[in-house]
Amino acid sequence: MNVQILLIEDNDNDALLIQRQLNKTKKTFDFTRVETFTELVNALSHNHFDLVISDFNLIGFDGLDVLKLLKSEKKDIPFLLVSGAYRDWE
């Protein structure tokens, strides 16, 4: 059985990197990629996902907005928040 992943990423290269890394494992994944909040809401309404992976910085919204939506929709789906940016907080 394939693992159904909702990938929320607005950068083609970052999406490809995530997919390539996961496809190196022995699992089989089906990816549904969305870039906008509207696409996100639509995907969650019409599909079942085993995992949600979201970039932190997106155009018009961020990963925390995704998490809030999942909670408000009572979607009990594992959620990974990723970022290509590094910031030294010290």
C-alpha atoms as a PDB file:
ATOM      1  CA  MET A   1       0.000   0.000   0.000  1.00  0.00           C
ATOM      2  CA  ASN A   2       1.346   3.415  -0.960  1.00  0.00           C
ATOM      3  CA  VAL A   3       1.752   6.165   1.615  1.00  0.00           C
ATOM      4  CA  GLN A   4      -0.396   9.143   0.610  1.00  0.00           C
ATOM      5  CA  ILE A   5       1.499  12.388   1.175  1.00  0.00           C
ATOM      6  CA  LEU A   6       0.165  15.913   0.898  1.00  0.00           C
ATOM      7  CA  LEU A   7       3.139  18.108   0.026  1.00  0.00           C
ATOM      8  CA  ILE A   8       2.631  21.832   0.511  1.00  0.00           C
ATOM      9  CA  GLU A   9       5.504  23.481  -1.293  1.00  0.00           C
ATOM     10  CA  ASP A  10       5.684  26.451  -3.660  1.00  0.00           C
ATOM     11  CA  ASN A  11       9.241  25.855  -4.854  1.00  0.00           C
ATOM     12  CA  ASP A  12       9.712  23.221  -7.590  1.00  0.00           C
ATOM     13  CA  ASN A  13      13.290  22.389  -6.575  1.00  0.00           C
ATOM     14  CA  ASP A  14      12.430  21.968  -2.902  1.00  0.00           C
ATOM     15  CA  ALA A  15       9.450  19.746  -3.756  1.00  0.00           C
ATOM     16  CA  LEU A  16      11.653  17.593  -5.975  1.00  0.00           C
ATOM     17  CA  LEU A  17      14.301  17.310  -3.243  1.00  0.00           C
ATOM     18  CA  ILE A  18      11.731  16.113  -0.693  1.00  0.00           C
ATOM     19  CA  GLN A  19      10.263  13.602  -3.127  1.00  0.00           C
ATOM     20  CA  ARG A  20      13.675  12.256  -4.137  1.00  0.00           C
ATOM     21  CA  GLN A  21      14.774  11.805  -0.525  1.00  0.00           C
ATOM     22  CA  LEU A  22      11.609   9.955   0.458  1.00  0.00           C
ATOM     23  CA  ASN A  23      11.728   7.780  -2.647  1.00  0.00           C
ATOM     24  CA  LYS A  24      15.152   6.488  -1.520  1.00  0.00           C
ATOM     25  CA  THR A  25      13.383   4.496   1.190  1.00  0.00           C
ATOM     26  CA  LYS A  26      11.762   1.082   0.776  1.00  0.00           C
ATOM     27  CA  LYS A  27       8.284   2.622   1.036  1.00  0.00           C
ATOM     28  CA  THR A  28       6.184   3.683  -1.933  1.00  0.00           C
ATOM     29  CA  PHE A  29       4.726   7.177  -1.864  1.00  0.00           C
ATOM     30  CA  ASP A  30       2.005   8.968  -3.769  1.00  0.00           C
ATOM     31  CA  PHE A  31       2.430  12.729  -3.624  1.00  0.00           C
ATOM     32  CA  THR A  32      -0.245  15.343  -3.995  1.00  0.00           C
ATOM     33  CA  ARG A  33       1.432  18.725  -4.222  1.00  0.00           C
ATOM     34  CA  VAL A  34      -0.330  22.017  -3.569  1.00  0.00           C
ATOM     35  CA  GLU A  35       1.020  25.558  -3.579  1.00  0.00           C
ATOM     36  CA  THR A  36      -1.887  27.749  -2.460  1.00  0.00           C
ATOM     37  CA  PHE A  37      -4.177  27.802   0.547  1.00  0.00           C
ATOM     38  CA  THR A  38      -7.188  27.224  -1.717  1.00  0.00           C
ATOM     39  CA  GLU A  39      -5.542  24.133  -3.227  1.00  0.00           C
ATOM     40  CA  LEU A  40      -4.740  22.935   0.296  1.00  0.00           C
ATOM     41  CA  VAL A  41      -8.352  23.229   1.474  1.00  0.00           C
ATOM     42  CA  ASN A  42      -9.572  21.465  -1.667  1.00  0.00           C
ATOM     43  CA  ALA A  43      -7.063  18.612  -1.324  1.00  0.00           C
ATOM     44  CA  LEU A  44      -7.978  18.024   2.322  1.00  0.00           C
ATOM     45  CA  SER A  45     -11.678  18.026   1.438  1.00  0.00           C
ATOM     46  CA  HIS A  46     -11.417  15.419  -1.285  1.00  0.00           C
ATOM     47  CA  ASN A  47      -8.575  13.093  -0.303  1.00  0.00           C
ATOM     48  CA  HIS A  48      -7.191  10.948   2.495  1.00  0.00           C
ATOM     49  CA  PHE A  49      -3.570  11.561   3.460  1.00  0.00           C
ATOM     50  CA  ASP A  50      -1.243   9.557   5.678  1.00  0.00           C
ATOM     51  CA  LEU A  51       1.208  12.430   6.098  1.00  0.00           C
ATOM     52  CA  VAL A  52       1.318  16.183   5.516  1.00  0.00           C
ATOM     53  CA  ILE A  53       4.647  17.845   4.755  1.00  0.00           C
ATOM     54  CA  SER A  54       4.611  21.635   4.595  1.00  0.00           C
ATOM     55  CA  ASP A  55       7.201  24.252   3.845  1.00  0.00           C
ATOM     56  CA  PHE A  56       7.267  26.937   6.511  1.00  0.00           C
ATOM     57  CA  ASN A  57       7.341  29.976   4.204  1.00  0.00           C
ATOM     58  CA  LEU A  58       4.688  29.965   1.502  1.00  0.00           C
ATOM     59  CA  ILE A  59       3.155  32.720  -0.599  1.00  0.00           C
ATOM     60  CA  GLY A  60       0.212  34.180   1.315  1.00  0.00           C
ATOM     61  CA  PHE A  61       0.356  31.758   4.255  1.00  0.00           C
ATOM     62  CA  ASP A  62       2.800  29.692   6.282  1.00  0.00           C
ATOM     63  CA  GLY A  63       3.225  26.278   7.826  1.00  0.00           C
ATOM     64  CA  LEU A  64       1.586  27.367  11.068  1.00  0.00           C
ATOM     65  CA  ASP A  65      -1.552  28.280   9.089  1.00  0.00           C
ATOM     66  CA  VAL A  66      -1.502  24.740   7.680  1.00  0.00           C
ATOM     67  CA  LEU A  67      -1.292  23.277  11.182  1.00  0.00           C
ATOM     68  CA  LYS A  68      -4.160  25.499  12.375  1.00  0.00           C
ATOM     69  CA  LEU A  69      -6.279  24.328   9.436  1.00  0.00           C
ATOM     70  CA  LEU A  70      -5.562  20.677  10.188  1.00  0.00           C
ATOM     71  CA  LYS A  71      -6.569  21.205  13.815  1.00  0.00           C
ATOM     72  CA  SER A  72      -9.727  23.174  12.944  1.00  0.00           C
ATOM     73  CA  GLU A  73     -10.764  20.467  10.458  1.00  0.00           C
ATOM     74  CA  LYS A  74     -10.027  17.822  13.110  1.00  0.00           C
ATOM     75  CA  LYS A  75      -7.617  16.068  10.759  1.00  0.00           C
ATOM     76  CA  ASP A  76      -5.486  13.706  12.832  1.00  0.00           C
ATOM     77  CA  ILE A  77      -2.656  13.410  10.319  1.00  0.00           C
ATOM     78  CA  PRO A  78       1.068  13.398  11.100  1.00  0.00           C
ATOM     79  CA  PHE A  79       2.493  16.785  10.150  1.00  0.00           C
ATOM     80  CA  LEU A  80       6.068  17.715   9.250  1.00  0.00           C
ATOM     81  CA  LEU A  81       7.134  21.325   8.944  1.00  0.00           C
ATOM     82  CA  VAL A  82      10.231  21.923   6.815  1.00  0.00           C
ATOM     83  CA  SER A  83      12.223  24.972   5.840  1.00  0.00           C
ATOM     84  CA  GLY A  84      15.027  25.585   3.412  1.00  0.00           C
ATOM     85  CA  ALA A  85      16.096  28.653   5.360  1.00  0.00           C
ATOM     86  CA  TYR A  86      18.524  28.657   8.226  1.00  0.00           C
ATOM     87  CA  ARG A  87      18.598  31.398  10.789  1.00  0.00           C
ATOM     88  CA  ASP A  88      21.019  31.658  13.663  1.00  0.00           C
ATOM     89  CA  TRP A  89      18.863  32.632  16.652  1.00  0.00           C
ATOM     90  CA  GLU A  90      21.786  33.494  18.914  1.00  0.00           C
END
